[in-house]
Amino acid sequence: MIDVNQLTSLISAFRVETEKESISPETVGKILQDITDLLATASTDAERQILDDWKAMLSQFYVVYDVADANMPDPQNMFLRLKARNLGNGNSYSSSVPIAGATDMKAGAMTATHVQTIMALQAAVSQLRSSVTSLQTASSQHGNQLFIIQAAGYVVTGIAQGNPHSSRVNLRITQHDVRTGEDFVFDGSTYLTGATNEKAGVMTAQQCNALNVAKTDITALQSAMRNVQGAGCVVDGATVFHIATDRLGIMLFGYNLATGEREVELQQFYLTGASEYGAGVMTARQVKRLNELYQAVFGGNGSTAFFNFGIEIGEGKRELFLKHAVKLVELGYVPYLFRYSRKRNRKIDNEGHKSHGDLRKGWNVVGKGETIQIGNNGQVSINKIMFEHDEFDDEEMQSMAQFQSEAKFFVADKYDEALGIRYVPFGKNRINLHVKINNEYQLRKVRLQYGIAFASYRAGKRELLDKTRLVTPIVPFHIANVPFRNGGYRWVFER
């Protein structure tokens, strides 16, 4: 290196020259020459080599003069852009340096995953705050409950049936002392009383014995009932009808013991006329001979007039005709419609009090003397107001004639909305038109028993018909339901 001490001394000496004459060209030249000589001798070859080596070494290093974000998107790394200058030649240089994401073991940049985690935590903070509030509320409630339990002193931890008793049920109660942790058992201090006619309760031993006795009796009754049901049907009524001049018909009615349903007709059979060889009914020929004998002996008409007529069913079974009935109408006799049913008529006493009469089982009048009428050809028709028909609306019913001859107008066909089936009120009975088979309602054949007879007078309003004044027997016929289109049915006349 250059030794500048001598140069410094020369400069200092020159600066102390104060005389004007001392600052001459000669003086300045001498100083410059001295500086030249010093410079000429200041650096050796060894020192120059050192400077060259130093310069070569500096060319390998750079000085960073600017650092910025490289703006290179990466979810797991951060990049810095470095700007530097070569110490040897002064050239500029730039480079991207990655900073890896931080981990559990070492520091680093915050990655995108870290940011997502922080955002999720921020979103969960409100829920966490709400959960903490709920836990605080629940803790407060539990604390209150615990305080109440502790204040109570005891809690019931077990209930079981205690020692047996004939008229009550004893309970064995186990209590736990929440303050000391001890258990106490109380047997018989709490019990359930037996049931009575006025209040509910447990079944006593006496009631259990009575139930067992009843069960034994019911078993015996069931056995007896099976024997009765095996008999088939029981007769609860019969009617007599005339179908020929030489025999008398008897029709039986009753209940089917196997199904519990009332059968309109159980059986019909005939009693033949009496003869010289056996008892029997009096035939029409025998009555005629008896009348002839009476006239021959006593004269006159014999006994009180008693007329016969027959029933005919029209084509398609939709109309009903009476043979020899027109003459009865011309003579002034009144036709009555009967049903074989159970009936209890209402009655009004002289003071206007309403009540019901005795229950009658057998032939009962339907309506009154104006219920049916007989046409010129013997056709039977009924007043349409006697029965309801949901097949027609009110306007259609008003447009019809007062009397109708079809079989459906003789039946009060009704609909049960609860069961979804149709039925017929028949006196005090109800006859369902459908029966449940395999959980489905199917149409069943029903034959309703009707009859027609003539009386010598017209009964008054609410007056019970005096059957002793009938001038004809009650001639029976049936009205039955038969399947029709689309699973329906229609009513027809039958013998």
Protein backbone atom coordinates (compact mmCIF):
# COMPACT_ATOMS: atom_id res chain seq x y z
CA MET A 1 0.00 0.00 0.00
CA ILE A 2 1.04 3.66 -0.52
CA ASP A 3 2.67 5.38 2.44
CA VAL A 4 0.93 8.72 2.53
CA ASN A 5 2.75 9.99 5.58
CA GLN A 6 5.43 11.72 3.50
CA LEU A 7 2.79 13.30 1.27
CA THR A 8 0.97 14.52 4.31
CA SER A 9 4.20 16.07 5.67
CA LEU A 10 4.91 17.88 2.36
CA ILE A 11 1.39 19.22 2.18
CA SER A 12 1.54 20.38 5.78
CA ALA A 13 4.85 22.14 5.16
CA PHE A 14 3.50 23.84 2.07
CA ARG A 15 0.45 25.03 3.92
CA VAL A 16 2.52 26.72 6.61
CA GLU A 17 4.32 28.86 4.04
CA THR A 18 2.94 32.28 4.61
CA GLU A 19 5.17 34.49 2.61
CA LYS A 20 3.95 35.41 -0.79
CA GLU A 21 7.29 34.90 -2.37
CA SER A 22 7.39 31.35 -1.05
CA ILE A 23 4.50 30.20 -3.28
CA SER A 24 6.44 30.07 -6.50
CA PRO A 25 6.40 27.68 -9.46
CA GLU A 26 9.61 26.26 -8.22
CA THR A 27 8.09 25.45 -4.86
CA VAL A 28 4.97 23.89 -6.36
CA GLY A 29 6.96 21.97 -8.90
CA LYS A 30 9.21 20.61 -6.24
CA ILE A 31 6.17 19.37 -4.24
CA LEU A 32 4.61 17.71 -7.30
CA GLN A 33 7.90 16.02 -8.14
CA ASP A 34 8.14 14.69 -4.65
CA ILE A 35 4.59 13.30 -4.95
CA THR A 36 5.53 11.71 -8.30
CA ASP A 37 8.57 10.12 -6.81
CA LEU A 38 6.56 8.80 -3.91
CA LEU A 39 3.93 7.34 -6.28
CA ALA A 40 6.62 5.81 -8.41
CA THR A 41 8.05 4.02 -5.45
CA ALA A 42 4.76 3.41 -3.56
CA SER A 43 3.66 0.11 -5.22
CA THR A 44 5.70 -2.95 -5.82
CA ASP A 45 4.89 -5.97 -8.03
CA ALA A 46 3.98 -8.02 -4.97
CA GLU A 47 1.51 -5.48 -3.85
CA ARG A 48 -0.01 -5.25 -7.37
CA GLN A 49 -0.45 -9.02 -7.40
CA ILE A 50 -2.26 -8.78 -4.09
CA LEU A 51 -4.59 -6.14 -5.55
CA ASP A 52 -5.27 -8.28 -8.64
CA ASP A 53 -6.03 -11.34 -6.49
CA TRP A 54 -8.33 -9.27 -4.34
CA LYS A 55 -10.12 -7.91 -7.41
CA ALA A 56 -10.57 -11.46 -8.81
CA MET A 57 -11.93 -12.62 -5.50
CA LEU A 58 -14.43 -9.76 -5.31
CA SER A 59 -15.85 -10.71 -8.74
CA GLN A 60 -17.25 -13.86 -7.12
CA PHE A 61 -19.47 -11.93 -4.68
CA TYR A 62 -22.63 -9.89 -5.07
CA VAL A 63 -24.13 -7.18 -2.94
CA VAL A 64 -27.92 -7.43 -2.37
CA TYR A 65 -29.49 -4.05 -2.74
CA ASP A 66 -33.26 -4.91 -3.03
CA VAL A 67 -35.58 -7.59 -1.54
CA ALA A 68 -39.30 -7.99 -2.58
CA ASP A 69 -42.14 -10.57 -2.75
CA ALA A 70 -41.71 -12.66 -5.89
CA ASN A 71 -45.51 -12.96 -6.21
CA MET A 72 -45.26 -16.64 -7.18
CA PRO A 73 -48.50 -18.41 -5.90
CA ASP A 74 -47.78 -21.65 -4.10
CA PRO A 75 -50.00 -23.12 -1.29
CA GLN A 76 -47.03 -24.42 0.71
CA ASN A 77 -44.07 -22.01 -0.02
CA MET A 78 -43.31 -18.27 -0.11
CA PHE A 79 -40.76 -16.82 -2.63
CA LEU A 80 -38.55 -13.68 -2.25
CA ARG A 81 -37.07 -11.89 -5.31
CA LEU A 82 -33.44 -10.71 -4.54
CA LYS A 83 -31.64 -8.00 -6.62
CA ALA A 84 -27.78 -7.94 -6.32
CA ARG A 85 -24.67 -6.37 -8.03
CA ASN A 86 -21.31 -8.08 -8.74
CA LEU A 87 -18.51 -6.54 -6.67
CA GLY A 88 -16.03 -7.20 -9.38
CA ASN A 89 -17.67 -5.93 -12.55
CA GLY A 90 -20.77 -4.15 -11.23
CA ASN A 91 -23.26 -6.27 -13.21
CA SER A 92 -26.84 -6.66 -11.76
CA TYR A 93 -28.41 -10.05 -10.92
CA SER A 94 -31.89 -11.20 -9.65
CA SER A 95 -32.99 -14.49 -8.03
CA SER A 96 -36.10 -16.12 -6.36
CA VAL A 97 -35.51 -17.66 -2.97
CA PRO A 98 -38.22 -20.04 -1.52
CA ILE A 99 -39.21 -19.87 2.15
CA ALA A 100 -40.86 -23.17 3.13
CA GLY A 101 -44.01 -23.31 5.26
CA ALA A 102 -43.76 -23.58 9.00
CA THR A 103 -44.16 -26.99 10.61
CA ASP A 104 -44.45 -28.40 14.12
CA MET A 105 -40.63 -28.70 14.24
CA LYS A 106 -39.34 -25.51 12.55
CA ALA A 107 -40.30 -21.95 11.72
CA GLY A 108 -41.32 -20.90 8.25
CA ALA A 109 -43.84 -19.02 6.17
CA MET A 110 -47.62 -19.26 6.82
CA THR A 111 -49.07 -21.56 4.15
CA ALA A 112 -52.53 -21.53 2.53
CA THR A 113 -53.44 -24.53 4.71
CA HIS A 114 -52.62 -22.47 7.79
CA VAL A 115 -54.87 -19.65 6.56
CA GLN A 116 -57.74 -22.09 5.85
CA THR A 117 -57.37 -23.55 9.32
CA ILE A 118 -57.49 -20.08 10.89
CA MET A 119 -60.62 -19.19 8.87
CA ALA A 120 -62.31 -22.45 9.95
CA LEU A 121 -61.39 -21.69 13.56
CA GLN A 122 -62.83 -18.18 13.19
CA ALA A 123 -66.08 -19.66 11.82
CA ALA A 124 -66.22 -22.13 14.69
CA VAL A 125 -65.64 -19.47 17.31
CA SER A 126 -69.32 -18.39 17.25
CA GLN A 127 -70.51 -21.99 17.52
CA LEU A 128 -67.98 -22.64 20.25
CA ARG A 129 -69.17 -19.51 22.05
CA SER A 130 -72.81 -20.72 21.74
CA SER A 131 -71.84 -24.19 22.99
CA VAL A 132 -70.03 -22.69 25.92
CA THR A 133 -73.09 -20.58 26.73
CA SER A 134 -75.30 -23.71 26.56
CA LEU A 135 -72.88 -25.60 28.76
CA GLN A 136 -72.89 -22.75 31.23
CA THR A 137 -76.72 -22.72 31.24
CA ALA A 138 -76.90 -26.50 31.60
CA SER A 139 -74.31 -26.38 34.33
CA SER A 140 -76.39 -23.77 36.12
CA GLN A 141 -79.54 -25.88 35.73
CA HIS A 142 -77.76 -29.01 36.89
CA GLY A 143 -76.44 -27.06 39.80
CA ASN A 144 -79.97 -25.99 40.70
CA GLN A 145 -81.23 -29.55 40.30
CA LEU A 146 -78.40 -30.86 42.43
CA PHE A 147 -79.21 -28.26 45.04
CA ILE A 148 -82.89 -29.30 44.98
CA ILE A 149 -81.97 -33.01 45.26
CA GLN A 150 -79.59 -32.31 48.10
CA ALA A 151 -82.23 -30.17 49.80
CA ALA A 152 -84.72 -33.04 49.50
CA GLY A 153 -82.37 -35.30 51.35
CA TYR A 154 -83.61 -38.60 49.88
CA VAL A 155 -84.30 -39.93 46.39
CA VAL A 156 -86.18 -43.12 45.46
CA THR A 157 -83.86 -45.56 43.69
CA GLY A 158 -86.04 -48.65 43.59
CA ILE A 159 -89.68 -49.79 43.73
CA ALA A 160 -90.66 -53.47 43.96
CA GLN A 161 -93.62 -55.49 45.17
CA GLY A 162 -93.42 -56.21 48.86
CA ASN A 163 -94.97 -58.85 51.08
CA PRO A 164 -98.17 -60.44 49.68
CA HIS A 165 -101.56 -59.30 50.98
CA SER A 166 -105.10 -60.49 50.12
CA SER A 167 -106.70 -57.08 49.48
CA ARG A 168 -103.83 -54.75 48.58
CA VAL A 169 -100.43 -54.67 46.89
CA ASN A 170 -97.57 -53.66 49.22
CA LEU A 171 -94.64 -51.76 47.70
CA ARG A 172 -91.01 -52.06 48.82
CA ILE A 173 -89.44 -48.58 48.45
CA THR A 174 -85.64 -48.09 48.42
CA GLN A 175 -84.47 -44.56 49.28
CA HIS A 176 -80.94 -43.15 48.92
CA ASP A 177 -79.65 -40.41 51.23
CA VAL A 178 -77.87 -38.01 48.85
CA ARG A 179 -75.95 -36.44 51.74
CA THR A 180 -74.52 -39.55 53.39
CA GLY A 181 -74.80 -42.10 50.56
CA GLU A 182 -76.76 -44.58 52.69
CA ASP A 183 -79.71 -46.69 51.40
CA PHE A 184 -82.91 -47.30 53.37
CA VAL A 185 -85.64 -49.89 52.55
CA PHE A 186 -89.29 -49.35 53.57
CA ASP A 187 -91.55 -52.39 53.18
CA GLY A 188 -95.34 -52.08 53.45
CA SER A 189 -95.54 -48.36 54.26
CA THR A 190 -96.81 -47.68 50.72
CA TYR A 191 -99.46 -49.84 49.03
CA LEU A 192 -102.12 -49.90 46.29
CA THR A 193 -105.70 -50.57 47.43
CA GLY A 194 -108.05 -53.02 45.75
CA ALA A 195 -110.50 -51.94 43.05
CA THR A 196 -114.14 -51.34 43.96
CA ASN A 197 -117.35 -50.51 42.13
CA GLU A 198 -116.65 -46.79 42.61
CA LYS A 199 -112.90 -46.46 42.03
CA ALA A 200 -110.02 -48.14 40.24
CA GLY A 201 -107.40 -50.19 41.99
CA VAL A 202 -105.52 -53.49 41.96
CA MET A 203 -107.25 -56.85 41.65
CA THR A 204 -107.69 -58.46 45.03
CA ALA A 205 -107.40 -62.16 45.82
CA GLN A 206 -111.19 -62.38 46.14
CA GLN A 207 -111.68 -60.80 42.72
CA CYS A 208 -109.14 -63.18 41.22
CA ASN A 209 -111.04 -66.15 42.68
CA ALA A 210 -114.29 -64.75 41.30
CA LEU A 211 -112.63 -64.34 37.86
CA ASN A 212 -111.42 -67.93 37.91
CA VAL A 213 -114.92 -69.12 38.79
CA ALA A 214 -116.35 -66.98 35.99
CA LYS A 215 -113.78 -68.38 33.58
CA THR A 216 -114.83 -71.91 34.50
CA ASP A 217 -118.49 -70.99 33.99
CA ILE A 218 -117.76 -69.28 30.68
CA THR A 219 -115.84 -72.33 29.48
CA ALA A 220 -118.86 -74.46 30.28
CA LEU A 221 -121.16 -71.97 28.54
CA GLN A 222 -118.89 -71.93 25.48
CA SER A 223 -119.06 -75.70 25.33
CA ALA A 224 -122.85 -75.55 25.63
CA MET A 225 -123.00 -72.78 23.00
CA ARG A 226 -120.99 -74.88 20.56
CA ASN A 227 -123.53 -77.63 21.06
CA VAL A 228 -126.34 -75.14 20.43
CA GLN A 229 -124.62 -73.73 17.35
CA GLY A 230 -124.26 -77.22 16.02
CA ALA A 231 -128.06 -77.39 15.93
CA GLY A 232 -128.00 -74.84 13.07
CA CYS A 233 -130.99 -72.53 13.54
CA VAL A 234 -133.63 -71.81 16.14
CA VAL A 235 -137.20 -70.95 15.20
CA ASP A 236 -138.66 -67.77 16.66
CA GLY A 237 -141.74 -67.41 14.45
CA ALA A 238 -143.92 -69.00 11.79
CA THR A 239 -146.60 -67.98 9.34
CA VAL A 240 -149.32 -69.83 7.47
CA PHE A 241 -150.01 -69.19 3.80
CA HIS A 242 -152.40 -70.68 1.24
CA ILE A 243 -150.85 -71.80 -2.00
CA ALA A 244 -153.30 -74.45 -3.22
CA THR A 245 -156.84 -75.73 -2.68
CA ASP A 246 -155.74 -79.03 -1.19
CA ARG A 247 -152.81 -78.13 1.10
CA LEU A 248 -151.67 -75.45 3.57
CA GLY A 249 -148.16 -73.94 3.68
CA ILE A 250 -146.23 -73.13 6.87
CA MET A 251 -143.09 -70.94 6.79
CA LEU A 252 -140.60 -70.84 9.70
CA PHE A 253 -138.37 -67.90 10.62
CA GLY A 254 -135.56 -67.53 13.15
CA TYR A 255 -131.86 -67.07 13.85
CA ASN A 256 -128.79 -68.80 12.48
CA LEU A 257 -127.00 -69.92 15.65
CA ALA A 258 -123.67 -70.37 13.88
CA THR A 259 -123.44 -66.77 12.59
CA GLY A 260 -125.75 -64.95 15.00
CA GLU A 261 -127.60 -63.35 12.08
CA ARG A 262 -131.34 -63.31 11.66
CA GLU A 263 -132.47 -65.37 8.72
CA VAL A 264 -135.61 -64.10 7.01
CA GLU A 265 -136.64 -67.60 5.96
CA LEU A 266 -135.44 -70.83 7.49
CA GLN A 267 -137.76 -73.46 6.04
CA GLN A 268 -141.17 -73.90 4.52
CA PHE A 269 -143.28 -77.08 4.43
CA TYR A 270 -146.89 -78.10 3.74
CA LEU A 271 -149.79 -79.77 5.52
CA THR A 272 -151.85 -81.93 3.20
CA GLY A 273 -155.62 -82.21 3.29
CA ALA A 274 -157.45 -84.54 5.67
CA SER A 275 -158.87 -87.78 4.35
CA GLU A 276 -160.74 -90.83 5.56
CA TYR A 277 -157.42 -92.43 6.47
CA GLY A 278 -155.50 -89.60 8.16
CA ALA A 279 -155.82 -86.21 9.81
CA GLY A 280 -154.88 -83.06 7.91
CA VAL A 281 -156.06 -79.60 6.97
CA MET A 282 -159.53 -78.94 5.56
CA THR A 283 -159.28 -78.48 1.83
CA ALA A 284 -161.22 -75.99 -0.27
CA ARG A 285 -163.36 -78.84 -1.68
CA GLN A 286 -164.24 -79.97 1.84
CA VAL A 287 -165.24 -76.40 2.80
CA LYS A 288 -167.39 -76.17 -0.33
CA ARG A 289 -169.15 -79.46 0.53
CA LEU A 290 -169.62 -78.27 4.10
CA ASN A 291 -171.19 -75.02 2.87
CA GLU A 292 -173.45 -76.98 0.54
CA LEU A 293 -174.57 -79.16 3.44
CA TYR A 294 -175.12 -76.05 5.58
CA GLN A 295 -177.24 -74.45 2.85
CA ALA A 296 -179.20 -77.67 2.39
CA VAL A 297 -179.95 -77.91 6.10
CA PHE A 298 -180.21 -74.30 7.23
CA GLY A 299 -180.24 -72.23 4.05
CA GLY A 300 -178.32 -68.98 3.58
CA ASN A 301 -174.61 -68.46 2.73
CA GLY A 302 -173.15 -70.67 5.41
CA SER A 303 -170.24 -68.95 7.22
CA THR A 304 -168.59 -65.53 6.96
CA ALA A 305 -167.11 -64.81 3.52
CA PHE A 306 -163.37 -65.49 3.25
CA PHE A 307 -161.59 -64.84 -0.05
CA ASN A 308 -158.45 -66.28 -1.62
CA PHE A 309 -156.12 -64.65 -4.13
CA GLY A 310 -152.76 -65.53 -5.61
CA ILE A 311 -149.49 -63.72 -6.30
CA GLU A 312 -147.69 -63.62 -9.66
CA ILE A 313 -144.22 -62.21 -10.37
CA GLY A 314 -143.84 -60.19 -13.59
CA GLU A 315 -141.18 -60.67 -16.24
CA GLY A 316 -137.71 -59.72 -14.95
CA LYS A 317 -139.04 -60.02 -11.38
CA ARG A 318 -139.50 -56.25 -11.25
CA GLU A 319 -143.32 -56.19 -10.88
CA LEU A 320 -145.83 -57.87 -8.57
CA PHE A 321 -149.42 -58.86 -9.54
CA LEU A 322 -152.36 -60.15 -7.47
CA LYS A 323 -154.79 -62.55 -9.11
CA HIS A 324 -158.48 -62.13 -8.22
CA ALA A 325 -157.65 -58.99 -6.14
CA VAL A 326 -159.39 -56.43 -8.37
CA LYS A 327 -162.76 -57.86 -7.33
CA LEU A 328 -161.83 -57.36 -3.65
CA VAL A 329 -161.02 -53.71 -4.33
CA GLU A 330 -164.34 -53.28 -6.13
CA LEU A 331 -166.11 -54.73 -3.11
CA GLY A 332 -164.49 -52.04 -0.96
CA TYR A 333 -161.93 -54.13 0.86
CA VAL A 334 -158.65 -52.41 1.81
CA PRO A 335 -155.22 -53.89 0.89
CA TYR A 336 -152.53 -53.89 3.59
CA LEU A 337 -148.78 -54.54 3.24
CA PHE A 338 -147.15 -56.69 5.94
CA ARG A 339 -143.54 -57.54 6.90
CA TYR A 340 -142.52 -60.44 9.08
CA SER A 341 -140.46 -58.53 11.65
CA ARG A 342 -140.03 -57.38 15.23
CA LYS A 343 -141.88 -54.13 15.90
CA ARG A 344 -142.87 -51.84 18.74
CA ASN A 345 -145.44 -49.22 17.76
CA ARG A 346 -145.65 -45.79 19.36
CA LYS A 347 -148.91 -44.78 21.01
CA ILE A 348 -150.44 -41.62 22.48
CA ASP A 349 -152.86 -41.68 25.39
CA ASN A 350 -155.85 -39.34 25.88
CA GLU A 351 -153.64 -36.79 27.63
CA GLY A 352 -151.17 -36.65 24.73
CA HIS A 353 -148.38 -38.61 26.41
CA LYS A 354 -146.25 -40.62 23.96
CA SER A 355 -145.02 -44.12 24.72
CA HIS A 356 -144.23 -47.43 23.03
CA GLY A 357 -146.43 -50.47 22.92
CA ASP A 358 -145.45 -54.08 23.48
CA LEU A 359 -142.87 -55.73 21.26
CA ARG A 360 -144.56 -57.80 18.56
CA LYS A 361 -142.77 -60.45 16.56
CA GLY A 362 -144.49 -61.73 13.44
CA TRP A 363 -146.58 -60.13 10.71
CA ASN A 364 -146.68 -56.34 11.22
CA VAL A 365 -148.42 -53.77 9.04
CA VAL A 366 -146.24 -51.42 6.98
CA GLY A 367 -147.73 -47.94 6.95
CA LYS A 368 -151.54 -47.93 6.77
CA GLY A 369 -154.40 -48.58 4.37
CA GLU A 370 -153.11 -46.10 1.76
CA THR A 371 -149.61 -47.58 1.64
CA ILE A 372 -150.25 -49.80 -1.42
CA GLN A 373 -152.80 -49.79 -4.21
CA ILE A 374 -153.97 -52.41 -6.68
CA GLY A 375 -154.18 -51.46 -10.37
CA ASN A 376 -156.84 -52.54 -12.86
CA ASN A 377 -154.59 -55.36 -14.01
CA GLY A 378 -153.82 -56.43 -10.45
CA GLN A 379 -150.39 -54.72 -10.36
CA VAL A 380 -149.21 -53.75 -6.84
CA SER A 381 -147.61 -50.33 -6.34
CA ILE A 382 -146.44 -48.54 -3.19
CA ASN A 383 -146.49 -44.93 -2.06
CA LYS A 384 -142.98 -43.63 -2.83
CA ILE A 385 -142.80 -41.56 0.37
CA MET A 386 -142.73 -44.72 2.49
CA PHE A 387 -139.00 -45.37 1.88
CA GLU A 388 -135.91 -43.25 1.22
CA HIS A 389 -133.98 -43.68 -2.03
CA ASP A 390 -130.52 -42.10 -2.31
CA GLU A 391 -130.54 -43.24 -5.94
CA PHE A 392 -132.70 -40.21 -6.72
CA ASP A 393 -132.44 -36.60 -5.58
CA ASP A 394 -135.39 -34.62 -4.22
CA GLU A 395 -136.23 -33.07 -7.59
CA GLU A 396 -136.37 -36.46 -9.30
CA MET A 397 -138.53 -37.89 -6.51
CA GLN A 398 -141.00 -35.01 -6.82
CA SER A 399 -141.26 -35.52 -10.57
CA MET A 400 -142.25 -39.19 -10.18
CA ALA A 401 -145.76 -40.51 -9.86
CA GLN A 402 -147.10 -40.88 -6.32
CA PHE A 403 -147.08 -44.71 -6.51
CA GLN A 404 -144.22 -46.84 -7.84
CA SER A 405 -144.31 -50.53 -8.71
CA GLU A 406 -140.57 -51.45 -8.78
CA ALA A 407 -139.26 -53.68 -6.00
CA LYS A 408 -136.62 -51.14 -4.88
CA PHE A 409 -139.38 -48.79 -3.67
CA PHE A 410 -140.53 -51.45 -1.17
CA VAL A 411 -137.12 -51.40 0.63
CA ALA A 412 -135.57 -48.68 2.83
CA ASP A 413 -132.05 -49.11 1.48
CA LYS A 414 -129.53 -47.11 3.58
CA TYR A 415 -125.76 -46.53 3.68
CA ASP A 416 -123.51 -46.93 6.75
CA GLU A 417 -120.74 -44.34 6.31
CA ALA A 418 -118.68 -45.71 9.21
CA LEU A 419 -118.43 -49.24 7.77
CA GLY A 420 -118.85 -48.29 4.12
CA ILE A 421 -121.64 -50.83 3.55
CA ARG A 422 -125.37 -50.73 2.81
CA TYR A 423 -128.08 -52.12 5.08
CA VAL A 424 -131.86 -52.38 5.43
CA PRO A 425 -133.78 -51.46 8.61
CA PHE A 426 -136.32 -54.26 9.02
CA GLY A 427 -138.58 -53.64 11.98
CA LYS A 428 -136.36 -53.61 15.09
CA ASN A 429 -133.62 -55.44 13.19
CA ARG A 430 -130.89 -54.21 10.89
CA ILE A 431 -129.92 -56.48 7.99
CA ASN A 432 -126.48 -55.84 6.47
CA LEU A 433 -126.28 -56.36 2.72
CA HIS A 434 -122.54 -57.07 2.82
CA VAL A 435 -120.53 -59.58 4.84
CA LYS A 436 -116.81 -59.35 5.65
CA ILE A 437 -114.80 -62.18 4.05
CA ASN A 438 -110.98 -62.12 4.14
CA ASN A 439 -111.05 -58.50 5.36
CA GLU A 440 -113.21 -57.44 2.38
CA TYR A 441 -116.93 -56.74 2.28
CA GLN A 442 -118.81 -58.84 -0.25
CA LEU A 443 -122.47 -58.77 -1.26
CA ARG A 444 -124.65 -61.36 0.47
CA LYS A 445 -128.02 -62.64 -0.70
CA VAL A 446 -130.86 -61.29 1.47
CA ARG A 447 -134.53 -62.28 1.10
CA LEU A 448 -136.95 -60.02 2.96
CA GLN A 449 -140.31 -61.55 3.88
CA TYR A 450 -143.40 -59.50 2.91
CA GLY A 451 -147.09 -60.28 2.71
CA ILE A 452 -150.38 -58.81 1.44
CA ALA A 453 -153.86 -59.22 2.87
CA PHE A 454 -157.25 -57.45 2.61
CA ALA A 455 -159.31 -56.17 5.52
CA SER A 456 -162.98 -55.18 5.73
CA TYR A 457 -162.18 -51.65 7.01
CA ARG A 458 -159.54 -48.91 6.89
CA ALA A 459 -157.70 -48.51 10.22
CA GLY A 460 -157.53 -44.99 11.65
CA LYS A 461 -154.39 -42.94 12.25
CA ARG A 462 -152.02 -44.75 14.67
CA GLU A 463 -154.64 -47.47 15.07
CA LEU A 464 -153.32 -51.02 15.30
CA LEU A 465 -154.95 -53.19 12.64
CA ASP A 466 -157.44 -55.72 13.98
CA LYS A 467 -156.36 -58.89 12.19
CA THR A 468 -159.63 -60.62 13.06
CA ARG A 469 -161.21 -58.40 10.43
CA LEU A 470 -158.99 -59.69 7.62
CA VAL A 471 -161.06 -61.20 4.80
CA THR A 472 -158.07 -62.93 3.17
CA PRO A 473 -155.06 -64.80 4.50
CA ILE A 474 -151.69 -62.99 4.48
CA VAL A 475 -150.18 -64.16 1.20
CA PRO A 476 -146.36 -64.02 1.46
CA PHE A 477 -143.74 -63.04 -1.10
CA HIS A 478 -140.08 -62.01 -0.95
CA ILE A 479 -137.96 -59.08 -2.06
CA ALA A 480 -134.34 -60.10 -2.69
CA ASN A 481 -131.13 -58.39 -3.80
CA VAL A 482 -129.35 -59.86 -6.83
CA PRO A 483 -125.92 -58.89 -8.24
CA PHE A 484 -125.94 -56.21 -10.91
CA ARG A 485 -123.38 -54.34 -13.00
CA ASN A 486 -120.02 -53.18 -11.58
CA GLY A 487 -120.42 -55.04 -8.30
CA GLY A 488 -123.77 -53.46 -7.50
CA TYR A 489 -127.16 -55.06 -6.97
CA ARG A 490 -130.86 -54.53 -7.63
CA TRP A 491 -134.01 -55.52 -5.79
CA VAL A 492 -136.43 -58.05 -7.33
CA PHE A 493 -139.64 -59.84 -6.35
CA GLU A 494 -139.48 -63.55 -5.56
CA ARG A 495 -141.93 -66.22 -4.35
